[in-house]
Amino acid sequence: MKKIFILLFAIGVCGNLFSEEKIGSYAMSYFDGRSFEIQASEPKNNKFNLYIQVGGEHKSDRVMLNIESKDLLAFKDALTQIRDKFLEWKKTAIENNVKDITKDFPISFPRVTIAWYGSKWWFAFNQRIEPTFFVFKDGTCAMVVYTKAKSSNNEYIDQEVYWVLQEESEFNDIIRFLDENVIIEHFKAKSSQTDLFN
């Protein structure tokens, strides 16, 4: 029964992954300013999925954090609180010339699905991602989420996941898209443009 549920859920998520649309992007300076996409599936009955692309084991890996619409506000609140705590701790680290330490943030994200593309799409459902404050040896600071996700239907398939934010703007570029109204308006505007050609 559990395998059937996982298969049905994977089909639903996979279907959404193929029908998602880019609604924005953000850069991670840790990865030389590389751009990462923020995508969403079209809302249906006020339900949708938001996908935040993150880093994987290889530069070419396509790795996404999948947040369901019911968890979007909690995820946004957590990321906002982490941003504020990060800025506070970064200031303290700089003022006190702190280097080479880590400290867990006292804030948790809601559980997410991690999806990644290898030879096909793989999914790790109901994953806890834990944010850590890093001060590197050179004194630069970052919020780091690192985890190794294992496929929910094949424990031998895994993927390293890296989400590293170092600047306030990087947090803000993501936070502004963690808003149901932004997603709904994006798809309304697209629908309005399509309606011009009736």
N, C-alpha and C. Protein backbone atom coordinates (compact mmCIF):
# COMPACT_ATOMS: atom_id res chain seq x y z
N MET A 1 0.82 -1.20 0.00
CA MET A 1 0.00 0.00 0.00
C MET A 1 0.87 1.26 0.00
N LYS A 2 1.93 1.24 0.81
CA LYS A 2 2.83 2.39 0.89
C LYS A 2 3.47 2.67 -0.47
N LYS A 3 3.89 1.59 -1.17
CA LYS A 3 4.52 1.77 -2.48
C LYS A 3 3.54 2.36 -3.49
N ILE A 4 2.27 1.95 -3.40
CA ILE A 4 1.26 2.49 -4.31
C ILE A 4 1.07 3.99 -4.04
N PHE A 5 1.01 4.37 -2.76
CA PHE A 5 0.86 5.78 -2.39
C PHE A 5 2.05 6.59 -2.92
N ILE A 6 3.26 6.08 -2.72
CA ILE A 6 4.47 6.78 -3.19
C ILE A 6 4.43 6.94 -4.70
N LEU A 7 4.01 5.88 -5.41
CA LEU A 7 3.94 5.92 -6.87
C LEU A 7 2.93 6.97 -7.32
N LEU A 8 1.74 6.98 -6.71
CA LEU A 8 0.71 7.95 -7.09
C LEU A 8 1.16 9.38 -6.79
N PHE A 9 1.82 9.57 -5.63
CA PHE A 9 2.32 10.90 -5.28
C PHE A 9 3.39 11.34 -6.27
N ALA A 10 4.29 10.42 -6.62
CA ALA A 10 5.37 10.73 -7.57
C ALA A 10 4.80 11.12 -8.93
N ILE A 11 3.75 10.41 -9.35
CA ILE A 11 3.13 10.73 -10.64
C ILE A 11 2.55 12.15 -10.59
N GLY A 12 1.91 12.49 -9.46
CA GLY A 12 1.36 13.84 -9.30
C GLY A 12 2.43 14.91 -9.31
N VAL A 13 3.50 14.69 -8.54
CA VAL A 13 4.60 15.66 -8.48
C VAL A 13 5.29 15.76 -9.82
N CYS A 14 5.52 14.60 -10.44
CA CYS A 14 6.20 14.58 -11.73
C CYS A 14 5.37 15.32 -12.78
N GLY A 15 4.05 15.09 -12.74
CA GLY A 15 3.18 15.81 -13.67
C GLY A 15 3.29 17.30 -13.48
N ASN A 16 3.34 17.74 -12.23
CA ASN A 16 3.51 19.16 -11.95
C ASN A 16 4.87 19.67 -12.41
N LEU A 17 5.92 18.85 -12.24
CA LEU A 17 7.25 19.29 -12.66
C LEU A 17 7.30 19.54 -14.16
N PHE A 18 6.57 18.74 -14.93
CA PHE A 18 6.57 18.93 -16.37
C PHE A 18 5.70 20.11 -16.79
N SER A 19 4.79 20.55 -15.92
CA SER A 19 3.89 21.64 -16.29
C SER A 19 4.21 22.94 -15.54
N GLU A 20 5.31 22.94 -14.78
CA GLU A 20 5.64 24.15 -14.04
C GLU A 20 6.16 25.22 -14.98
N GLU A 21 6.12 26.43 -14.48
CA GLU A 21 6.57 27.57 -15.27
C GLU A 21 7.48 28.45 -14.43
N LYS A 22 8.50 28.97 -15.06
CA LYS A 22 9.41 29.87 -14.35
C LYS A 22 8.68 31.15 -14.00
N ILE A 23 8.74 31.52 -12.72
CA ILE A 23 8.13 32.78 -12.30
C ILE A 23 9.19 33.78 -11.82
N GLY A 24 10.42 33.31 -11.66
CA GLY A 24 11.49 34.20 -11.21
C GLY A 24 12.80 33.45 -11.09
N SER A 25 13.79 34.14 -10.56
CA SER A 25 15.11 33.53 -10.37
C SER A 25 15.83 34.27 -9.24
N TYR A 26 16.90 33.65 -8.79
CA TYR A 26 17.76 34.27 -7.78
C TYR A 26 19.17 33.77 -8.05
N ALA A 27 20.15 34.46 -7.49
CA ALA A 27 21.55 34.07 -7.68
C ALA A 27 22.13 33.62 -6.34
N MET A 28 23.05 32.68 -6.41
CA MET A 28 23.82 32.30 -5.22
C MET A 28 25.26 32.72 -5.46
N SER A 29 25.71 33.73 -4.70
CA SER A 29 27.09 34.21 -4.89
C SER A 29 28.09 33.12 -4.55
N TYR A 30 27.73 32.19 -3.68
CA TYR A 30 28.63 31.08 -3.33
C TYR A 30 28.98 30.26 -4.57
N PHE A 31 28.05 30.17 -5.51
CA PHE A 31 28.28 29.46 -6.76
C PHE A 31 28.60 30.45 -7.87
N ASP A 32 29.46 31.40 -7.57
CA ASP A 32 29.93 32.41 -8.54
C ASP A 32 28.80 33.20 -9.17
N GLY A 33 27.74 33.45 -8.40
CA GLY A 33 26.63 34.26 -8.89
C GLY A 33 25.72 33.55 -9.87
N ARG A 34 25.84 32.24 -9.95
CA ARG A 34 25.02 31.46 -10.88
C ARG A 34 23.54 31.67 -10.58
N SER A 35 22.73 31.72 -11.63
CA SER A 35 21.30 31.95 -11.49
C SER A 35 20.56 30.62 -11.31
N PHE A 36 19.58 30.62 -10.42
CA PHE A 36 18.75 29.45 -10.14
C PHE A 36 17.29 29.85 -10.31
N GLU A 37 16.49 28.96 -10.84
CA GLU A 37 15.09 29.27 -11.15
C GLU A 37 14.16 29.06 -9.97
N ILE A 38 13.09 29.86 -9.96
CA ILE A 38 11.95 29.64 -9.08
C ILE A 38 10.77 29.39 -10.01
N GLN A 39 10.10 28.25 -9.80
CA GLN A 39 9.02 27.85 -10.70
C GLN A 39 7.77 27.54 -9.89
N ALA A 40 6.65 27.52 -10.58
CA ALA A 40 5.38 27.16 -9.93
C ALA A 40 4.50 26.43 -10.91
N SER A 41 3.67 25.55 -10.37
CA SER A 41 2.64 24.92 -11.19
C SER A 41 1.42 25.83 -11.16
N GLU A 42 0.60 25.75 -12.20
CA GLU A 42 -0.58 26.61 -12.28
C GLU A 42 -1.56 26.24 -11.17
N PRO A 43 -2.06 27.23 -10.42
CA PRO A 43 -3.00 26.93 -9.34
C PRO A 43 -4.29 26.30 -9.86
N LYS A 44 -4.71 25.23 -9.18
CA LYS A 44 -5.98 24.56 -9.49
C LYS A 44 -6.66 24.31 -8.16
N ASN A 45 -7.89 24.84 -8.00
CA ASN A 45 -8.61 24.74 -6.73
C ASN A 45 -7.77 25.30 -5.58
N ASN A 46 -7.08 26.41 -5.86
CA ASN A 46 -6.22 27.08 -4.88
C ASN A 46 -5.06 26.22 -4.39
N LYS A 47 -4.68 25.21 -5.16
CA LYS A 47 -3.53 24.37 -4.82
C LYS A 47 -2.50 24.46 -5.94
N PHE A 48 -1.24 24.50 -5.54
CA PHE A 48 -0.15 24.56 -6.50
C PHE A 48 1.12 24.11 -5.80
N ASN A 49 2.18 23.97 -6.57
CA ASN A 49 3.50 23.67 -6.01
C ASN A 49 4.47 24.74 -6.44
N LEU A 50 5.35 25.11 -5.52
CA LEU A 50 6.43 26.05 -5.83
C LEU A 50 7.73 25.26 -5.80
N TYR A 51 8.61 25.55 -6.74
CA TYR A 51 9.89 24.84 -6.84
C TYR A 51 11.02 25.84 -6.79
N ILE A 52 11.95 25.63 -5.85
CA ILE A 52 13.15 26.46 -5.76
C ILE A 52 14.33 25.60 -6.20
N GLN A 53 14.98 26.00 -7.28
CA GLN A 53 16.14 25.26 -7.74
C GLN A 53 17.32 25.54 -6.81
N VAL A 54 18.05 24.49 -6.48
CA VAL A 54 19.22 24.60 -5.61
C VAL A 54 20.39 23.86 -6.26
N GLY A 55 21.54 23.87 -5.59
CA GLY A 55 22.71 23.19 -6.13
C GLY A 55 22.69 21.69 -5.86
N GLY A 56 23.33 20.95 -6.76
CA GLY A 56 23.47 19.50 -6.58
C GLY A 56 24.93 19.10 -6.58
N GLU A 57 25.18 17.80 -6.70
CA GLU A 57 26.55 17.30 -6.68
C GLU A 57 27.37 17.83 -7.85
N HIS A 58 26.70 18.01 -8.99
CA HIS A 58 27.38 18.48 -10.19
C HIS A 58 26.68 19.74 -10.70
N LYS A 59 27.42 20.59 -11.36
CA LYS A 59 26.87 21.85 -11.85
C LYS A 59 25.67 21.61 -12.76
N SER A 60 25.69 20.50 -13.49
CA SER A 60 24.62 20.21 -14.45
C SER A 60 23.38 19.59 -13.79
N ASP A 61 23.46 19.21 -12.52
CA ASP A 61 22.33 18.57 -11.85
C ASP A 61 21.16 19.54 -11.71
N ARG A 62 19.97 19.05 -11.95
CA ARG A 62 18.75 19.85 -11.75
C ARG A 62 18.09 19.36 -10.48
N VAL A 63 18.19 20.17 -9.42
CA VAL A 63 17.68 19.79 -8.10
C VAL A 63 16.69 20.86 -7.63
N MET A 64 15.53 20.43 -7.16
CA MET A 64 14.48 21.36 -6.78
C MET A 64 13.96 21.05 -5.37
N LEU A 65 13.68 22.10 -4.60
CA LEU A 65 12.93 21.97 -3.37
C LEU A 65 11.47 22.23 -3.74
N ASN A 66 10.61 21.27 -3.47
CA ASN A 66 9.19 21.38 -3.82
C ASN A 66 8.40 21.73 -2.57
N ILE A 67 7.76 22.90 -2.59
CA ILE A 67 6.95 23.35 -1.46
C ILE A 67 5.49 23.36 -1.90
N GLU A 68 4.66 22.64 -1.19
CA GLU A 68 3.24 22.62 -1.50
C GLU A 68 2.59 23.92 -1.04
N SER A 69 1.51 24.31 -1.71
CA SER A 69 0.85 25.59 -1.40
C SER A 69 0.44 25.68 0.07
N LYS A 70 0.04 24.56 0.68
CA LYS A 70 -0.39 24.58 2.09
C LYS A 70 0.76 24.93 3.04
N ASP A 71 2.01 24.74 2.59
CA ASP A 71 3.19 25.01 3.43
C ASP A 71 3.91 26.30 3.04
N LEU A 72 3.38 26.99 2.04
CA LEU A 72 4.11 28.14 1.49
C LEU A 72 4.31 29.25 2.53
N LEU A 73 3.26 29.60 3.26
CA LEU A 73 3.37 30.69 4.23
C LEU A 73 4.34 30.33 5.36
N ALA A 74 4.28 29.08 5.83
CA ALA A 74 5.20 28.64 6.90
C ALA A 74 6.64 28.66 6.39
N PHE A 75 6.84 28.27 5.13
CA PHE A 75 8.19 28.28 4.55
C PHE A 75 8.69 29.72 4.44
N LYS A 76 7.81 30.62 3.98
CA LYS A 76 8.19 32.03 3.84
C LYS A 76 8.54 32.63 5.21
N ASP A 77 7.71 32.35 6.21
CA ASP A 77 7.97 32.86 7.56
C ASP A 77 9.31 32.35 8.09
N ALA A 78 9.59 31.07 7.87
CA ALA A 78 10.86 30.50 8.34
C ALA A 78 12.04 31.15 7.64
N LEU A 79 11.96 31.32 6.31
CA LEU A 79 13.08 31.91 5.58
C LEU A 79 13.28 33.38 5.97
N THR A 80 12.19 34.08 6.24
CA THR A 80 12.29 35.48 6.69
C THR A 80 12.97 35.57 8.05
N GLN A 81 12.58 34.69 8.96
CA GLN A 81 13.21 34.68 10.29
C GLN A 81 14.69 34.28 10.20
N ILE A 82 14.99 33.32 9.32
CA ILE A 82 16.39 32.90 9.14
C ILE A 82 17.21 34.05 8.56
N ARG A 83 16.64 34.77 7.59
CA ARG A 83 17.33 35.95 7.03
C ARG A 83 17.67 36.95 8.11
N ASP A 84 16.68 37.27 8.94
CA ASP A 84 16.90 38.27 9.98
C ASP A 84 17.95 37.82 10.99
N LYS A 85 17.90 36.56 11.38
CA LYS A 85 18.89 36.02 12.32
C LYS A 85 20.27 35.97 11.65
N PHE A 86 20.30 35.61 10.37
CA PHE A 86 21.56 35.57 9.62
C PHE A 86 22.22 36.95 9.62
N LEU A 87 21.44 37.99 9.32
CA LEU A 87 22.00 39.34 9.26
C LEU A 87 22.54 39.78 10.63
N GLU A 88 21.81 39.41 11.69
CA GLU A 88 22.25 39.73 13.05
C GLU A 88 23.57 39.02 13.37
N TRP A 89 23.63 37.72 13.07
CA TRP A 89 24.84 36.94 13.38
C TRP A 89 26.01 37.33 12.48
N LYS A 90 25.72 37.67 11.24
CA LYS A 90 26.79 38.10 10.32
C LYS A 90 27.44 39.38 10.85
N LYS A 91 26.61 40.32 11.29
CA LYS A 91 27.13 41.58 11.85
C LYS A 91 28.01 41.30 13.07
N THR A 92 27.54 40.42 13.94
CA THR A 92 28.32 40.06 15.14
C THR A 92 29.64 39.41 14.76
N ALA A 93 29.60 38.53 13.76
CA ALA A 93 30.82 37.82 13.33
C ALA A 93 31.85 38.80 12.77
N ILE A 94 31.37 39.75 11.96
CA ILE A 94 32.28 40.74 11.37
C ILE A 94 32.88 41.64 12.44
N GLU A 95 32.03 42.12 13.34
CA GLU A 95 32.49 43.04 14.40
C GLU A 95 33.50 42.39 15.34
N ASN A 96 33.39 41.08 15.51
CA ASN A 96 34.26 40.37 16.45
C ASN A 96 35.33 39.51 15.76
N ASN A 97 35.48 39.72 14.45
CA ASN A 97 36.51 39.01 13.67
C ASN A 97 36.44 37.48 13.88
N VAL A 98 35.21 36.95 13.88
CA VAL A 98 34.99 35.51 14.07
C VAL A 98 35.26 34.79 12.76
N LYS A 99 35.90 33.62 12.86
CA LYS A 99 36.19 32.81 11.67
C LYS A 99 36.03 31.33 12.00
N ASP A 100 35.64 30.58 10.98
CA ASP A 100 35.64 29.12 11.02
C ASP A 100 34.77 28.54 12.15
N ILE A 101 33.49 28.92 12.14
CA ILE A 101 32.55 28.32 13.10
C ILE A 101 31.24 27.98 12.39
N THR A 102 30.46 27.10 13.02
CA THR A 102 29.10 26.81 12.55
C THR A 102 28.15 26.84 13.74
N LYS A 103 26.91 27.20 13.46
CA LYS A 103 25.89 27.22 14.51
C LYS A 103 24.54 26.98 13.83
N ASP A 104 23.76 26.06 14.39
CA ASP A 104 22.44 25.80 13.84
C ASP A 104 21.51 26.97 14.11
N PHE A 105 20.68 27.31 13.11
CA PHE A 105 19.67 28.33 13.32
C PHE A 105 18.56 27.75 14.21
N PRO A 106 17.98 28.58 15.08
CA PRO A 106 16.91 28.10 15.96
C PRO A 106 15.54 28.14 15.27
N ILE A 107 15.54 27.97 13.97
CA ILE A 107 14.32 28.06 13.16
C ILE A 107 14.30 26.87 12.20
N SER A 108 13.15 26.27 12.01
CA SER A 108 13.04 25.11 11.13
C SER A 108 12.12 25.40 9.95
N PHE A 109 12.45 24.82 8.82
CA PHE A 109 11.57 24.85 7.66
C PHE A 109 10.52 23.75 7.78
N PRO A 110 9.34 23.95 7.17
CA PRO A 110 8.43 22.81 7.06
C PRO A 110 9.05 21.77 6.13
N ARG A 111 8.58 20.55 6.22
CA ARG A 111 9.12 19.48 5.38
C ARG A 111 8.84 19.76 3.91
N VAL A 112 9.75 19.32 3.06
CA VAL A 112 9.65 19.53 1.61
C VAL A 112 9.87 18.21 0.89
N THR A 113 9.54 18.21 -0.39
CA THR A 113 9.95 17.12 -1.27
C THR A 113 11.17 17.61 -2.04
N ILE A 114 12.19 16.78 -2.13
CA ILE A 114 13.37 17.10 -2.94
C ILE A 114 13.26 16.30 -4.23
N ALA A 115 13.33 16.97 -5.35
CA ALA A 115 13.24 16.32 -6.65
C ALA A 115 14.52 16.59 -7.42
N TRP A 116 15.03 15.58 -8.11
CA TRP A 116 16.22 15.79 -8.93
C TRP A 116 16.16 14.92 -10.16
N TYR A 117 16.83 15.42 -11.20
CA TYR A 117 16.81 14.72 -12.48
C TYR A 117 18.15 14.06 -12.74
N GLY A 118 18.12 12.76 -12.91
CA GLY A 118 19.30 11.99 -13.33
C GLY A 118 18.97 11.44 -14.70
N SER A 119 18.80 10.14 -14.79
CA SER A 119 18.30 9.55 -16.04
C SER A 119 16.79 9.76 -16.14
N LYS A 120 16.17 10.06 -14.99
CA LYS A 120 14.75 10.39 -14.90
C LYS A 120 14.58 11.19 -13.61
N TRP A 121 13.35 11.63 -13.34
CA TRP A 121 13.09 12.36 -12.11
C TRP A 121 13.04 11.40 -10.93
N TRP A 122 13.73 11.78 -9.83
CA TRP A 122 13.70 11.03 -8.58
C TRP A 122 13.16 11.95 -7.50
N PHE A 123 12.54 11.37 -6.47
CA PHE A 123 11.90 12.16 -5.43
C PHE A 123 12.24 11.61 -4.05
N ALA A 124 12.52 12.52 -3.13
CA ALA A 124 12.66 12.18 -1.72
C ALA A 124 11.58 12.98 -1.00
N PHE A 125 10.54 12.28 -0.53
CA PHE A 125 9.39 12.93 0.06
C PHE A 125 9.59 13.22 1.54
N ASN A 126 8.87 14.25 2.03
CA ASN A 126 8.78 14.52 3.46
C ASN A 126 10.16 14.72 4.11
N GLN A 127 10.97 15.55 3.47
CA GLN A 127 12.35 15.76 3.94
C GLN A 127 12.46 16.97 4.85
N ARG A 128 13.24 16.83 5.89
CA ARG A 128 13.55 17.94 6.80
C ARG A 128 14.86 18.56 6.32
N ILE A 129 14.86 19.85 6.01
CA ILE A 129 16.10 20.54 5.63
C ILE A 129 16.46 21.50 6.77
N GLU A 130 17.69 21.39 7.25
CA GLU A 130 18.12 22.15 8.43
C GLU A 130 19.10 23.25 8.03
N PRO A 131 18.80 24.50 8.35
CA PRO A 131 19.71 25.60 8.03
C PRO A 131 20.80 25.78 9.10
N THR A 132 22.01 26.00 8.65
CA THR A 132 23.15 26.21 9.56
C THR A 132 23.85 27.51 9.19
N PHE A 133 24.27 28.24 10.21
CA PHE A 133 25.05 29.47 10.01
C PHE A 133 26.52 29.08 9.94
N PHE A 134 27.17 29.47 8.84
CA PHE A 134 28.59 29.19 8.65
C PHE A 134 29.37 30.48 8.63
N VAL A 135 30.49 30.51 9.33
CA VAL A 135 31.51 31.53 9.10
C VAL A 135 32.72 30.76 8.60
N PHE A 136 33.09 31.02 7.35
CA PHE A 136 34.19 30.29 6.73
C PHE A 136 35.54 30.81 7.23
N LYS A 137 36.60 30.13 6.85
CA LYS A 137 37.95 30.49 7.33
C LYS A 137 38.36 31.89 6.92
N ASP A 138 37.79 32.37 5.78
CA ASP A 138 38.13 33.73 5.34
C ASP A 138 37.23 34.79 5.98
N GLY A 139 36.30 34.37 6.85
CA GLY A 139 35.43 35.32 7.55
C GLY A 139 34.11 35.57 6.85
N THR A 140 33.91 35.05 5.62
CA THR A 140 32.62 35.23 4.96
C THR A 140 31.57 34.35 5.63
N CYS A 141 30.33 34.82 5.58
CA CYS A 141 29.23 34.14 6.28
C CYS A 141 28.19 33.62 5.29
N ALA A 142 27.48 32.58 5.69
CA ALA A 142 26.44 32.02 4.82
C ALA A 142 25.43 31.23 5.63
N MET A 143 24.19 31.20 5.11
CA MET A 143 23.23 30.22 5.56
C MET A 143 23.42 29.02 4.64
N VAL A 144 23.67 27.86 5.23
CA VAL A 144 23.92 26.66 4.43
C VAL A 144 22.89 25.60 4.79
N VAL A 145 22.24 25.09 3.76
CA VAL A 145 21.43 23.88 3.90
C VAL A 145 22.14 22.82 3.08
N TYR A 146 22.58 21.77 3.76
CA TYR A 146 23.19 20.64 3.06
C TYR A 146 22.49 19.37 3.54
N THR A 147 22.11 18.55 2.61
CA THR A 147 21.55 17.25 2.95
C THR A 147 21.86 16.27 1.83
N LYS A 148 21.81 15.01 2.15
CA LYS A 148 21.91 13.97 1.14
C LYS A 148 20.56 13.30 1.07
N ALA A 149 19.85 13.51 -0.01
CA ALA A 149 18.51 12.96 -0.18
C ALA A 149 18.58 11.61 -0.85
N LYS A 150 17.80 10.66 -0.33
CA LYS A 150 17.70 9.33 -0.94
C LYS A 150 16.33 9.19 -1.56
N SER A 151 16.27 8.63 -2.75
CA SER A 151 15.00 8.43 -3.42
C SER A 151 14.05 7.63 -2.54
N SER A 152 12.79 8.04 -2.50
CA SER A 152 11.79 7.35 -1.68
C SER A 152 11.45 5.96 -2.21
N ASN A 153 11.76 5.70 -3.49
CA ASN A 153 11.45 4.36 -4.02
C ASN A 153 12.68 3.56 -4.43
N ASN A 154 13.90 4.10 -4.17
CA ASN A 154 15.12 3.35 -4.46
C ASN A 154 16.25 3.93 -3.59
N GLU A 155 16.53 3.27 -2.47
CA GLU A 155 17.48 3.79 -1.49
C GLU A 155 18.90 3.92 -2.04
N TYR A 156 19.17 3.32 -3.19
CA TYR A 156 20.52 3.38 -3.77
C TYR A 156 20.71 4.60 -4.67
N ILE A 157 19.64 5.33 -4.92
CA ILE A 157 19.71 6.55 -5.71
C ILE A 157 19.68 7.73 -4.74
N ASP A 158 20.73 8.54 -4.75
CA ASP A 158 20.75 9.69 -3.84
C ASP A 158 21.31 10.92 -4.55
N GLN A 159 21.20 12.04 -3.85
CA GLN A 159 21.64 13.32 -4.41
C GLN A 159 22.05 14.24 -3.27
N GLU A 160 23.20 14.86 -3.41
CA GLU A 160 23.61 15.89 -2.46
C GLU A 160 22.91 17.20 -2.83
N VAL A 161 22.46 17.90 -1.81
CA VAL A 161 21.70 19.13 -2.02
C VAL A 161 22.41 20.28 -1.30
N TYR A 162 22.64 21.37 -2.03
CA TYR A 162 23.32 22.54 -1.46
C TYR A 162 22.47 23.79 -1.71
N TRP A 163 22.16 24.49 -0.63
CA TRP A 163 21.45 25.77 -0.74
C TRP A 163 22.22 26.74 0.15
N VAL A 164 22.90 27.70 -0.48
CA VAL A 164 23.83 28.57 0.25
C VAL A 164 23.49 30.02 -0.08
N LEU A 165 23.03 30.75 0.94
CA LEU A 165 22.68 32.17 0.76
C LEU A 165 23.63 33.01 1.61
N GLN A 166 24.22 34.04 0.98
CA GLN A 166 25.23 34.85 1.66
C GLN A 166 24.89 36.33 1.77
N GLU A 167 23.92 36.77 1.00
CA GLU A 167 23.59 38.20 0.97
C GLU A 167 22.11 38.40 1.25
N GLU A 168 21.76 39.53 1.84
CA GLU A 168 20.35 39.84 2.11
C GLU A 168 19.53 39.78 0.83
N SER A 169 20.10 40.28 -0.26
CA SER A 169 19.37 40.30 -1.53
C SER A 169 19.04 38.89 -2.02
N GLU A 170 19.90 37.92 -1.73
CA GLU A 170 19.64 36.54 -2.15
C GLU A 170 18.42 35.99 -1.41
N PHE A 171 18.33 36.27 -0.12
CA PHE A 171 17.13 35.88 0.64
C PHE A 171 15.89 36.58 0.07
N ASN A 172 16.01 37.89 -0.13
CA ASN A 172 14.85 38.68 -0.56
C ASN A 172 14.34 38.28 -1.93
N ASP A 173 15.27 37.91 -2.83
CA ASP A 173 14.87 37.51 -4.18
C ASP A 173 14.03 36.24 -4.17
N ILE A 174 14.22 35.41 -3.16
CA ILE A 174 13.40 34.20 -3.02
C ILE A 174 12.11 34.52 -2.27
N ILE A 175 12.22 35.26 -1.18
CA ILE A 175 11.07 35.54 -0.31
C ILE A 175 9.94 36.20 -1.08
N ARG A 176 10.26 37.09 -2.00
CA ARG A 176 9.19 37.81 -2.70
C ARG A 176 8.32 36.90 -3.58
N PHE A 177 8.86 35.71 -3.94
CA PHE A 177 8.06 34.77 -4.73
C PHE A 177 7.34 33.74 -3.87
N LEU A 178 7.57 33.77 -2.56
CA LEU A 178 6.89 32.84 -1.66
C LEU A 178 5.56 33.45 -1.22
N ASP A 179 4.75 33.77 -2.21
CA ASP A 179 3.52 34.51 -1.97
C ASP A 179 2.45 33.98 -2.94
N GLU A 180 1.39 33.48 -2.38
CA GLU A 180 0.31 32.90 -3.20
C GLU A 180 -0.21 33.91 -4.21
N ASN A 181 -0.35 35.19 -3.81
CA ASN A 181 -0.89 36.20 -4.72
C ASN A 181 0.03 36.44 -5.91
N VAL A 182 1.34 36.40 -5.68
CA VAL A 182 2.31 36.59 -6.77
C VAL A 182 2.14 35.46 -7.81
N ILE A 183 1.97 34.25 -7.32
CA ILE A 183 1.83 33.09 -8.21
C ILE A 183 0.51 33.16 -8.97
N ILE A 184 -0.58 33.47 -8.26
CA ILE A 184 -1.89 33.56 -8.92
C ILE A 184 -1.89 34.66 -9.97
N GLU A 185 -1.33 35.82 -9.63
CA GLU A 185 -1.28 36.94 -10.58
C GLU A 185 -0.43 36.61 -11.80
N HIS A 186 0.66 35.86 -11.59
CA HIS A 186 1.50 35.47 -12.73
C HIS A 186 0.68 34.68 -13.73
N PHE A 187 -0.07 33.70 -13.26
CA PHE A 187 -0.84 32.85 -14.17
C PHE A 187 -2.07 33.57 -14.72
N LYS A 188 -2.63 34.53 -13.96
CA LYS A 188 -3.75 35.34 -14.49
C LYS A 188 -3.28 36.19 -15.65
N ALA A 189 -2.09 36.80 -15.49
CA ALA A 189 -1.53 37.64 -16.55
C ALA A 189 -1.26 36.81 -17.80
N LYS A 190 -0.76 35.60 -17.62
CA LYS A 190 -0.52 34.73 -18.77
C LYS A 190 -1.82 34.38 -19.46
N SER A 191 -2.86 34.09 -18.66
CA SER A 191 -4.17 33.73 -19.22
C SER A 191 -4.76 34.91 -19.98
N SER A 192 -4.58 36.12 -19.46
CA SER A 192 -5.10 37.32 -20.13
C SER A 192 -4.44 37.52 -21.48
N GLN A 193 -3.14 37.27 -21.55
CA GLN A 193 -2.43 37.39 -22.83
C GLN A 193 -2.92 36.37 -23.84
N THR A 194 -3.18 35.14 -23.36
CA THR A 194 -3.71 34.10 -24.25
C THR A 194 -5.08 34.48 -24.76
N ASP A 195 -5.91 35.10 -23.91
CA ASP A 195 -7.27 35.47 -24.29
C ASP A 195 -7.29 36.53 -25.40
N LEU A 196 -6.19 37.24 -25.61
CA LEU A 196 -6.13 38.24 -26.69
C LEU A 196 -6.30 37.59 -28.05
N PHE A 197 -6.04 36.30 -28.14
CA PHE A 197 -6.01 35.63 -29.45
C PHE A 197 -7.20 34.71 -29.64
N ASN A 198 -8.37 35.07 -29.11
CA ASN A 198 -9.60 34.27 -29.32
C ASN A 198 -10.20 34.58 -30.68
